[in-house]
Every structure is written in C-alpha cells, then in structure tokens.
Amino acid sequence: MTEQPQFTISVDQNKYLAVGHTEVHAILTVEAKGPAVAAPTTQAAEVIIVDTSGSMSYGKIAEARKAAQAAVDTLRDGVHFAIVAGTANAHMVYPPDRRLLPSNPQTRQAAKEAIGRLQADGGTAMGRWLRLAADLFETVPGAIKHAILLTDGKNEHQSAEEFDADLAYCTGKFVCDCRGVGDAWVVAELRKVGSTLLGSVMDIADPKDLEADFRAMTQAAMGKAVADVALRIWTPQNATMTYIKQVSPALEDLTARGTPSGPQARDYPTGSWGSETREYHICVQVPPGVVGQEMRAAWVKLVVPETGEQLAAGNVLAQWSDDYAQSTRINPKVAHYTGQAELAALIQDGLQARKEGDLELATARLGRARGLAEQAGNGETARLLDKVIDFDPETGTARLKPNVEKAAEIALDTRSVRTVRMRKESEA
C-alpha cells in the first residue's frame, strides 16, 4: 500500500486575451489518487469536541454520546486521540489529563465509557474548546491533525475579541470539521471556525443523524495521508494575484491567507489530503501584451512547505489575440464556478435581507438564486430554496413562503457554499 496519494494538477482556461486586456482566469483541478485509508504508519491525531452545555439536554446529549462513541470506534490503531467536553470552559473527558493517547482496543473502550457519562450542563465558549485542542495537538508534531466540533448553540460565554484571539491561536495547527445540531446555533460562527481551520461546516437537523455523520467524518480523517499542503503560486514581475478561491467541494476564499515563499511566489494553505479532488479558481492581472505574445501568467505547484517536497505542478498561460471569437470565449469550467459563487452570494444576501425585513430584496435575490441553481444542475440547493420560496419555473417568479422552519433556513445558509462539479457532458 502506498503511503501517499499521487497528485496531479490540471488547468482549465481560455488563455487568449484581447489586446489591452490583462485579466487571466483559470480553474485548477487538484486530484489526489490513493487508498481510502491511510497506511498504518501514517501518524495522525484526532480530538473530538462535544458541546455539553445545558441546551444539549432533551435527547441531544444522548445522541451526541452515541456519535462520539462511533467516532472513537472508527479510529485506527495508533492514532493519538482525546475527547473534550465544552461548556463555558473546556474539560478533558478522556484521557482525564491534558494529553493524547494512542488508540487501541483498551483506550477506545475506556474513552467510550467516559463519553457515556457526559451530562449537559453549563455555557458555551467554543474558542476555549478549540484552544485546548490546539494545545493537545502540539504534543504530536508532524502528525495529520483533525478535530470534530459539535455544538447546538451560540458562542455566548466569551467575547468576540477572545473568540477571534482563540481562532488566531489555532490557525494552521489543525483542521476542524464543524457540526451544528438543532436550530439554535449560528451559521456565521461555525462558518468562521470552519473557514479559519480549513474544515467543513454542516447542519444536522435531527440529532439521530449525528452518529452516522461522525462515523463518516472520522473515516474521512483516517484517509488523510499528507498534512499541511499548500498551493505555491508564482507570478511574473508586474503581475499580481487578484484572488484564489477554492470552488469545489465548497467555496472558500484563500486570497488573504497567502504567505511569501520566495521571489514573486506565495503559499496558500489547503490543509491535509487523502484520496480526493478539489478545484480552485485563480485570477491574475498581467501586464498588457501585443498580438501573438505568449507568457506564463502563473506557475502553480502543490507543495509540502515544511519539507519543500513538490507534489504536482501546472502552468496558467496568457496569449494576446486579435481574433474576437478566440479572445471572448469563456472557458466552461470558469463560467460554471463563477455562477456557483454568484449563487452562494445571492442566497446569503437574500437570507440577510429576509432577516432585516426587506422582503422585496429577499424575494429578488432568492428567486434569482433558484433560477441559477436550476441552470447549474445544483438540485440540492434548488430543493433547499423551495423550502423558503415558492418558485414558478415557467415565469421565473418567486414569492417568499410566509412560514419557514428555522432548520430549513439554517440548512440553506450552511449549504449555500457547497458546490456541484461541472457535469461531464457539459465539458465537451
């Protein structure tokens, strides 16, 4: 079994620019092919954080216990792990002292017994929970570090400033997948955690669905084989990186996270990788050229910054043309993901307008989003929108539903950033 996936970068773009134009767009498809489970020798660490605040009562805590126990059962032997309970402070559940223990049948059983004793009582201060996880991970340098954070409520028991400081403290130290259960948590708060720590955010409306979700998240974490991978992007002199955004499987703007990595090059973090595919949209401003001139607009490498290992590379090109048809053609993948980003923005703007009582703007934005979802083949988003608006596909008109379940609104907001890959038949 290979220890590490094999990486490739493919570039989709229309390299031709009209004279006077300087903006180059490309979609980078980064693919890692490898085993579904990392080799036993791959060093990994897992911290499972369970909200045990008072609001987790009424059945949620029982399902959370089952979910955390399922995650523990999914850990492979040798993975260092810990369980943390979150209230207004962070508490060690297993082991009782602040450390990680290797997973084996005995430690997994002891952890499950400790989880079985969890009770719901107290407040919510997610930043403190994450800070404890970061400290635990410090004891296993070089490991692939992953956390799961489950909450059902608002981050009420710490200031916004402390929360931001805690997130800054954790940045780059581990990847965290976040789950919100029920309908009283705040999407923006968990999205901030997931975005900062390069993880996913999903809503779990029914606590009974937690167990399967935790098992799936842990299985995915066990498949990660390379930690702390970055996209290193070099641009020529007098060129500037306008933006780089992950566009699949979910939208995430990485532009502000770039750090210098050499002359005219910056590294953009992507977290840890297993066998998977992700896509990125980059936009580069280049100096103007003349007809027939060709240049490299960006040189993209996938690297492990800590070791300097290069995993894959690709080129983004620019060539000036006086052929109007050639220079105005939009690459289908670029168009597809530009539309997906617009769809997410429309949903979030529409939901915010609805919250603020601007029903006319909310209707316009969500109606437009429904039409875009149909065009993009994003069936899940279309179905979620249908729980918030009544949409007539023939006329394209929309009307806000008078009564919308809070869970439906949360689901639409949470999943608005999840994209669908372009259908194969569209690529022809």
Protein backbone atom coordinates (compact mmCIF):
# COMPACT_ATOMS: atom_id res chain seq x y z
CA MET A 1 0.00 0.00 0.00
CA THR A 2 1.42 3.40 -0.92
CA GLU A 3 1.93 5.80 1.95
CA GLN A 4 0.95 8.85 -0.04
CA PRO A 5 -1.56 9.74 -2.77
CA GLN A 6 -0.33 10.60 -6.25
CA PHE A 7 -1.16 14.23 -7.07
CA THR A 8 -1.92 15.93 -10.38
CA ILE A 9 -2.86 19.49 -11.31
CA SER A 10 -4.85 20.16 -14.48
CA VAL A 11 -5.61 23.67 -15.72
CA ASP A 12 -8.83 24.74 -17.47
CA GLN A 13 -8.75 28.18 -19.06
CA ASN A 14 -9.07 30.21 -22.23
CA LYS A 15 -5.55 31.61 -22.47
CA TYR A 16 -6.41 34.07 -25.25
CA LEU A 17 -6.83 37.73 -24.34
CA ALA A 18 -7.91 40.65 -26.48
CA VAL A 19 -5.31 43.39 -26.91
CA GLY A 20 -5.50 45.69 -23.89
CA HIS A 21 -6.96 43.00 -21.62
CA THR A 22 -4.92 41.90 -18.64
CA GLU A 23 -7.12 39.58 -16.52
CA VAL A 24 -6.40 35.85 -16.70
CA HIS A 25 -8.80 33.29 -15.18
CA ALA A 26 -8.20 29.57 -14.68
CA ILE A 27 -9.67 26.63 -12.78
CA LEU A 28 -7.06 24.37 -11.18
CA THR A 29 -8.24 20.80 -10.61
CA VAL A 30 -6.06 19.16 -7.98
CA GLU A 31 -6.55 15.42 -7.77
CA ALA A 32 -5.05 13.02 -5.24
CA LYS A 33 -5.37 9.33 -6.04
CA GLY A 34 -4.62 6.83 -3.31
CA PRO A 35 -6.08 4.34 -0.85
CA ALA A 36 -9.27 5.20 1.04
CA VAL A 37 -7.48 4.52 4.33
CA ALA A 38 -4.04 5.90 5.07
CA ALA A 39 -1.22 3.43 5.69
CA PRO A 40 -0.93 2.26 9.32
CA THR A 41 2.41 4.03 9.60
CA THR A 42 0.82 7.44 8.86
CA GLN A 43 0.99 9.46 12.08
CA ALA A 44 -2.37 11.05 12.89
CA ALA A 45 -4.17 12.73 15.78
CA GLU A 46 -7.87 13.27 16.45
CA VAL A 47 -9.66 15.42 19.03
CA ILE A 48 -13.45 15.07 19.36
CA ILE A 49 -15.09 18.12 20.94
CA VAL A 50 -18.65 17.70 22.22
CA ASP A 51 -20.77 20.64 23.38
CA THR A 52 -22.12 19.65 26.80
CA SER A 53 -23.84 22.96 27.59
CA GLY A 54 -27.28 22.95 29.19
CA SER A 55 -29.05 23.36 25.85
CA MET A 56 -27.78 19.91 24.78
CA SER A 57 -30.38 18.34 27.11
CA TYR A 58 -33.65 16.82 25.88
CA GLY A 59 -32.13 13.94 23.93
CA LYS A 60 -29.37 15.78 22.08
CA ILE A 61 -26.71 14.79 24.62
CA ALA A 62 -27.68 11.12 24.30
CA GLU A 63 -27.27 11.23 20.52
CA ALA A 64 -24.01 13.19 20.90
CA ARG A 65 -22.67 10.46 23.18
CA LYS A 66 -23.53 7.80 20.57
CA ALA A 67 -21.90 9.90 17.84
CA ALA A 68 -18.67 10.45 19.76
CA GLN A 69 -18.51 6.74 20.62
CA ALA A 70 -18.98 5.87 16.93
CA ALA A 71 -16.12 8.22 16.03
CA VAL A 72 -13.87 6.54 18.62
CA ASP A 73 -14.76 3.11 17.20
CA THR A 74 -13.66 4.36 13.76
CA LEU A 75 -10.15 5.37 14.86
CA ARG A 76 -7.46 3.05 13.60
CA ASP A 77 -4.87 1.65 15.99
CA GLY A 78 -2.04 4.05 16.77
CA VAL A 79 -3.92 7.30 16.13
CA HIS A 80 -3.39 9.67 19.07
CA PHE A 81 -6.74 10.95 20.34
CA ALA A 82 -8.64 12.74 23.08
CA ILE A 83 -12.23 13.65 23.91
CA VAL A 84 -13.06 17.19 25.09
CA ALA A 85 -16.32 18.41 26.63
CA GLY A 86 -17.24 22.03 26.00
CA THR A 87 -19.11 24.36 28.33
CA ALA A 88 -18.03 27.88 29.35
CA ASN A 89 -14.65 26.15 29.63
CA ALA A 90 -13.01 23.14 28.02
CA HIS A 91 -12.82 19.91 30.02
CA MET A 92 -10.87 16.72 29.38
CA VAL A 93 -13.17 13.71 29.14
CA TYR A 94 -10.60 11.15 28.03
CA PRO A 95 -7.87 10.83 28.98
CA PRO A 96 -8.55 12.73 32.23
CA ASP A 97 -5.27 14.65 32.00
CA ARG A 98 -4.29 17.02 29.18
CA ARG A 99 -2.65 14.69 26.68
CA LEU A 100 -3.38 12.45 23.74
CA LEU A 101 -3.28 8.65 23.97
CA PRO A 102 -2.68 6.13 21.16
CA SER A 103 -5.82 4.36 20.00
CA ASN A 104 -6.06 0.65 20.75
CA PRO A 105 -8.92 -1.63 21.88
CA GLN A 106 -8.33 -0.77 25.53
CA THR A 107 -8.12 3.02 25.16
CA ARG A 108 -11.09 3.09 22.78
CA GLN A 109 -13.20 1.17 25.29
CA ALA A 110 -12.13 3.45 28.16
CA ALA A 111 -12.92 6.52 26.04
CA LYS A 112 -16.39 5.21 25.17
CA GLU A 113 -17.11 4.57 28.83
CA ALA A 114 -16.05 8.13 29.70
CA ILE A 115 -18.19 9.52 26.87
CA GLY A 116 -21.15 7.55 28.22
CA ARG A 117 -21.00 9.61 31.40
CA LEU A 118 -21.31 13.01 29.65
CA GLN A 119 -24.08 15.25 31.01
CA ALA A 120 -25.49 18.52 29.64
CA ASP A 121 -24.93 21.47 31.97
CA GLY A 122 -23.19 24.82 31.50
CA GLY A 123 -22.48 27.51 28.93
CA THR A 124 -20.81 27.82 25.51
CA ALA A 125 -17.34 29.19 24.71
CA MET A 126 -16.13 27.47 21.53
CA GLY A 127 -12.84 29.34 21.28
CA ARG A 128 -11.69 27.85 24.60
CA TRP A 129 -12.55 24.35 23.41
CA LEU A 130 -10.52 24.85 20.24
CA ARG A 131 -7.58 26.33 22.16
CA LEU A 132 -7.39 23.19 24.30
CA ALA A 133 -7.43 21.06 21.13
CA ALA A 134 -4.56 23.13 19.70
CA ASP A 135 -2.52 22.57 22.88
CA LEU A 136 -3.18 18.84 22.74
CA PHE A 137 -2.08 18.65 19.11
CA GLU A 138 1.21 20.40 19.94
CA THR A 139 2.35 17.14 21.56
CA VAL A 140 2.38 15.27 18.21
CA PRO A 141 4.44 17.37 15.76
CA GLY A 142 4.33 16.12 12.20
CA ALA A 143 1.03 14.27 12.61
CA ILE A 144 -2.05 14.79 10.46
CA LYS A 145 -4.23 16.68 12.96
CA HIS A 146 -8.02 16.68 12.75
CA ALA A 147 -10.77 17.78 15.12
CA ILE A 148 -14.53 17.44 15.15
CA LEU A 149 -16.52 20.18 16.88
CA LEU A 150 -20.20 19.69 17.70
CA THR A 151 -22.40 22.45 19.10
CA ASP A 152 -26.08 23.30 19.32
CA GLY A 153 -25.92 26.92 20.43
CA LYS A 154 -24.43 30.38 20.29
CA ASN A 155 -20.95 31.24 21.49
CA GLU A 156 -22.40 33.21 24.42
CA HIS A 157 -19.81 32.90 27.16
CA GLN A 158 -16.79 34.63 25.67
CA SER A 159 -16.32 37.99 23.97
CA ALA A 160 -15.95 38.31 20.20
CA GLU A 161 -12.39 39.55 20.78
CA GLU A 162 -11.46 36.46 22.83
CA PHE A 163 -13.07 34.17 20.25
CA ASP A 164 -11.06 35.80 17.45
CA ALA A 165 -7.86 35.52 19.52
CA ASP A 166 -8.53 31.83 20.12
CA LEU A 167 -9.09 31.22 16.41
CA ALA A 168 -5.87 33.08 15.58
CA TYR A 169 -4.05 30.90 18.12
CA CYS A 170 -5.39 27.73 16.43
CA THR A 171 -4.78 28.81 12.80
CA GLY A 172 -2.53 26.41 10.93
CA LYS A 173 -2.34 23.94 13.82
CA PHE A 174 -5.13 21.55 12.82
CA VAL A 175 -8.13 21.07 10.53
CA CYS A 176 -11.55 21.21 12.16
CA ASP A 177 -14.86 19.94 10.79
CA CYS A 178 -17.84 21.60 12.49
CA ARG A 179 -21.37 20.36 13.01
CA GLY A 180 -24.36 22.33 14.25
CA VAL A 181 -27.23 20.27 15.64
CA GLY A 182 -30.80 21.56 16.00
CA ASP A 183 -31.89 25.08 15.05
CA ALA A 184 -30.45 27.40 17.72
CA TRP A 185 -26.83 27.65 16.58
CA VAL A 186 -25.39 30.49 14.48
CA VAL A 187 -24.20 29.59 10.98
CA ALA A 188 -21.81 32.56 10.80
CA GLU A 189 -19.99 31.45 13.97
CA LEU A 190 -19.37 27.89 12.84
CA ARG A 191 -18.54 29.05 9.32
CA LYS A 192 -15.87 31.29 10.84
CA VAL A 193 -14.36 28.30 12.65
CA GLY A 194 -14.54 26.01 9.61
CA SER A 195 -13.12 28.69 7.32
CA THR A 196 -10.24 29.58 9.63
CA LEU A 197 -9.35 25.94 10.31
CA LEU A 198 -9.86 24.72 6.72
CA GLY A 199 -12.70 22.36 7.62
CA SER A 200 -16.30 21.76 6.65
CA VAL A 201 -19.49 23.06 8.26
CA MET A 202 -22.75 21.14 8.08
CA ASP A 203 -26.14 21.29 9.72
CA ILE A 204 -27.65 18.26 11.44
CA ALA A 205 -31.34 18.99 11.97
CA ASP A 206 -32.14 15.63 13.59
CA PRO A 207 -29.79 14.58 16.42
CA LYS A 208 -30.35 10.93 15.42
CA ASP A 209 -28.28 11.63 12.28
CA LEU A 210 -25.19 12.56 14.31
CA GLU A 211 -23.90 9.01 14.74
CA ALA A 212 -23.61 8.23 11.01
CA ASP A 213 -22.16 11.67 10.31
CA PHE A 214 -19.46 11.37 13.00
CA ARG A 215 -18.51 7.93 11.71
CA ALA A 216 -18.22 9.29 8.15
CA MET A 217 -16.14 12.31 9.25
CA THR A 218 -13.74 10.11 11.18
CA GLN A 219 -13.42 7.65 8.29
CA ALA A 220 -12.54 10.58 6.01
CA ALA A 221 -9.95 11.79 8.54
CA MET A 222 -8.43 8.29 8.67
CA GLY A 223 -7.94 8.54 4.89
CA LYS A 224 -5.76 11.66 5.08
CA ALA A 225 -2.15 10.84 4.24
CA VAL A 226 -0.40 14.19 3.68
CA ALA A 227 -0.53 17.07 6.17
CA ASP A 228 -0.18 20.82 5.65
CA VAL A 229 -0.19 21.00 1.87
CA ALA A 230 -0.03 24.40 0.14
CA LEU A 231 -0.60 25.78 -3.33
CA ARG A 232 2.55 27.74 -4.19
CA ILE A 233 1.79 30.29 -6.89
CA TRP A 234 4.50 32.20 -8.71
CA THR A 235 3.54 35.18 -10.87
CA PRO A 236 5.85 37.16 -13.20
CA GLN A 237 7.15 40.64 -12.47
CA ASN A 238 4.49 43.36 -12.69
CA ALA A 239 1.74 40.72 -12.37
CA THR A 240 -0.50 40.46 -9.30
CA MET A 241 -2.65 37.71 -7.86
CA THR A 242 -6.18 39.15 -7.77
CA TYR A 243 -7.65 36.19 -5.93
CA ILE A 244 -7.52 32.45 -5.32
CA LYS A 245 -10.67 30.68 -4.19
CA GLN A 246 -11.43 27.06 -3.54
CA VAL A 247 -14.58 26.42 -5.59
CA SER A 248 -15.13 22.70 -5.04
CA PRO A 249 -16.27 20.91 -2.96
CA ALA A 250 -17.12 24.17 -1.19
CA LEU A 251 -16.43 27.87 -1.70
CA GLU A 252 -13.57 29.32 0.35
CA ASP A 253 -11.58 32.47 -0.38
CA LEU A 254 -7.88 31.79 0.29
CA THR A 255 -6.54 35.09 -1.06
CA ALA A 256 -5.76 36.76 2.26
CA ARG A 257 -4.02 33.63 3.59
CA GLY A 258 -1.07 33.74 1.22
CA THR A 259 2.39 33.94 2.79
CA PRO A 260 5.60 34.82 0.89
CA SER A 261 7.56 31.71 -0.16
CA GLY A 262 10.23 33.16 -2.43
CA PRO A 263 10.64 35.81 -5.11
CA GLN A 264 7.21 36.56 -6.63
CA ALA A 265 5.68 33.46 -5.00
CA ARG A 266 3.17 32.90 -2.21
CA ASP A 267 1.90 29.80 -0.44
CA TYR A 268 -1.84 29.29 0.11
CA PRO A 269 -2.76 26.63 2.72
CA THR A 270 -5.07 23.77 1.74
CA GLY A 271 -4.82 21.56 4.85
CA SER A 272 -4.40 17.78 4.76
CA TRP A 273 -5.19 15.47 1.86
CA GLY A 274 -6.33 11.92 1.27
CA SER A 275 -7.78 10.46 -1.92
CA GLU A 276 -9.91 13.36 -3.20
CA THR A 277 -10.35 16.13 -5.76
CA ARG A 278 -10.59 19.86 -5.11
CA GLU A 279 -10.84 22.77 -7.54
CA TYR A 280 -9.56 26.34 -7.29
CA HIS A 281 -10.33 29.50 -9.27
CA ILE A 282 -7.39 31.86 -9.71
CA CYS A 283 -7.39 35.31 -11.27
CA VAL A 284 -4.12 37.05 -12.19
CA GLN A 285 -3.56 40.58 -13.50
CA VAL A 286 -0.72 40.58 -16.02
CA PRO A 287 0.99 43.44 -17.91
CA PRO A 288 -0.62 44.17 -21.31
CA GLY A 289 0.87 42.39 -24.32
CA VAL A 290 0.84 42.59 -28.10
CA VAL A 291 -0.82 40.28 -30.64
CA GLY A 292 0.90 36.89 -30.71
CA GLN A 293 2.79 37.39 -27.47
CA GLU A 294 2.52 34.47 -25.04
CA MET A 295 3.54 34.41 -21.39
CA ARG A 296 3.24 32.31 -18.28
CA ALA A 297 0.71 34.12 -16.10
CA ALA A 298 1.23 31.81 -13.14
CA TRP A 299 3.27 28.77 -12.23
CA VAL A 300 1.34 26.63 -9.76
CA LYS A 301 2.91 23.99 -7.55
CA LEU A 302 1.41 21.78 -4.87
CA VAL A 303 4.00 21.57 -2.10
CA VAL A 304 4.61 20.49 1.48
CA PRO A 305 6.18 23.73 2.76
CA GLU A 306 7.77 22.11 5.81
CA THR A 307 9.85 19.71 3.72
CA GLY A 308 9.91 21.55 0.38
CA GLU A 309 8.53 18.45 -1.38
CA GLN A 310 6.77 19.22 -4.68
CA LEU A 311 3.73 17.03 -5.30
CA ALA A 312 2.46 18.41 -8.65
CA ALA A 313 2.72 21.47 -10.92
CA GLY A 314 0.86 23.27 -13.69
CA ASN A 315 1.01 26.41 -15.83
CA VAL A 316 -1.52 29.21 -16.37
CA LEU A 317 -0.87 30.94 -19.70
CA ALA A 318 -1.79 34.18 -21.45
CA GLN A 319 -1.61 34.91 -25.16
CA TRP A 320 -2.89 38.03 -26.89
CA SER A 321 -5.02 37.64 -29.99
CA ASP A 322 -6.86 39.87 -32.45
CA ASP A 323 -9.34 37.05 -33.16
CA TYR A 324 -12.54 38.26 -31.44
CA ALA A 325 -14.14 34.81 -31.22
CA GLN A 326 -10.97 33.34 -29.74
CA SER A 327 -10.41 36.03 -27.13
CA THR A 328 -14.03 36.33 -25.93
CA ARG A 329 -14.74 32.64 -25.41
CA ILE A 330 -15.29 31.87 -21.70
CA ASN A 331 -13.95 28.55 -20.53
CA PRO A 332 -16.94 26.37 -19.43
CA LYS A 333 -15.40 25.49 -16.05
CA VAL A 334 -14.61 29.12 -15.28
CA ALA A 335 -18.19 30.07 -16.18
CA HIS A 336 -19.60 27.19 -14.10
CA TYR A 337 -17.80 28.13 -10.91
CA THR A 338 -18.33 31.85 -11.38
CA GLY A 339 -22.05 31.03 -11.45
CA GLN A 340 -21.74 28.88 -8.32
CA ALA A 341 -20.08 31.76 -6.44
CA GLU A 342 -22.85 34.11 -7.57
CA LEU A 343 -25.45 31.57 -6.39
CA ALA A 344 -23.94 31.45 -2.88
CA ALA A 345 -23.78 35.24 -2.65
CA LEU A 346 -27.42 35.59 -3.75
CA ILE A 347 -28.59 33.10 -1.10
CA GLN A 348 -26.67 34.73 1.72
CA ASP A 349 -27.76 38.24 0.65
CA GLY A 350 -31.38 37.06 0.35
CA LEU A 351 -31.43 35.42 3.77
CA GLN A 352 -29.87 38.51 5.35
CA ALA A 353 -32.45 40.77 3.66
CA ARG A 354 -35.24 38.49 4.92
CA LYS A 355 -33.83 38.70 8.45
CA GLU A 356 -33.74 42.51 8.20
CA GLY A 357 -37.33 42.67 6.93
CA ASP A 358 -36.52 43.74 3.35
CA LEU A 359 -38.87 41.22 1.77
CA GLU A 360 -38.68 42.70 -1.72
CA LEU A 361 -34.89 42.36 -1.88
CA ALA A 362 -35.04 38.92 -0.26
CA THR A 363 -37.55 37.72 -2.86
CA ALA A 364 -35.48 39.09 -5.75
CA ARG A 365 -32.22 37.55 -4.52
CA LEU A 366 -33.64 34.14 -3.60
CA GLY A 367 -35.72 33.95 -6.78
CA ARG A 368 -32.61 34.67 -8.88
CA ALA A 369 -30.72 32.06 -6.85
CA ARG A 370 -33.41 29.47 -7.58
CA GLY A 371 -33.05 30.07 -11.32
CA LEU A 372 -29.25 29.81 -11.14
CA ALA A 373 -29.43 26.58 -9.12
CA GLU A 374 -31.62 25.08 -11.85
CA GLN A 375 -29.18 26.15 -14.59
CA ALA A 376 -26.14 24.79 -12.70
CA GLY A 377 -27.75 21.42 -12.02
CA ASN A 378 -27.49 22.05 -8.29
CA GLY A 379 -30.53 20.04 -7.32
CA GLU A 380 -29.87 20.04 -3.58
CA THR A 381 -29.70 23.85 -3.42
CA ALA A 382 -32.86 24.11 -5.53
CA ARG A 383 -34.69 21.82 -3.09
CA LEU A 384 -33.48 23.83 -0.10
CA LEU A 385 -34.63 27.07 -1.75
CA ASP A 386 -38.04 25.52 -2.36
CA LYS A 387 -38.50 25.31 1.42
CA VAL A 388 -38.06 29.10 1.68
CA ILE A 389 -39.72 30.40 -1.51
CA ASP A 390 -42.48 29.40 -3.91
CA PHE A 391 -40.92 29.44 -7.39
CA ASP A 392 -42.64 29.26 -10.77
CA PRO A 393 -40.09 27.81 -13.24
CA GLU A 394 -42.13 28.87 -16.27
CA THR A 395 -42.26 32.56 -15.40
CA GLY A 396 -39.19 32.67 -13.17
CA THR A 397 -41.18 34.49 -10.48
CA ALA A 398 -40.75 33.82 -6.77
CA ARG A 399 -42.67 34.50 -3.59
CA LEU A 400 -41.40 34.17 -0.04
CA LYS A 401 -43.16 31.49 1.97
CA PRO A 402 -44.95 33.12 4.94
CA ASN A 403 -43.80 30.49 7.46
CA VAL A 404 -40.34 28.96 7.19
CA GLU A 405 -38.89 26.48 9.65
CA LYS A 406 -35.71 27.75 11.28
CA ALA A 407 -33.97 24.46 10.41
CA ALA A 408 -34.75 24.98 6.70
CA GLU A 409 -33.22 28.46 6.78
CA ILE A 410 -30.11 27.17 8.57
CA ALA A 411 -29.73 24.34 6.05
CA LEU A 412 -29.97 26.74 3.11
CA ASP A 413 -27.44 29.14 4.64
CA THR A 414 -24.99 26.40 5.66
CA ARG A 415 -25.07 24.56 2.36
CA SER A 416 -25.06 27.65 0.14
CA VAL A 417 -21.25 27.41 -0.12
CA ARG A 418 -21.29 23.76 -1.21
CA THR A 419 -20.89 23.47 -4.96
CA VAL A 420 -21.52 20.83 -7.59
CA ARG A 421 -18.78 19.88 -10.02
CA MET A 422 -19.45 20.55 -13.67
CA ARG A 423 -21.29 17.71 -15.35
CA LYS A 424 -19.10 15.72 -17.73
CA GLU A 425 -21.38 16.22 -20.70
CA SER A 426 -21.01 19.99 -20.27
CA GLU A 427 -17.25 19.76 -20.67
CA ALA A 428 -17.39 18.53 -24.24
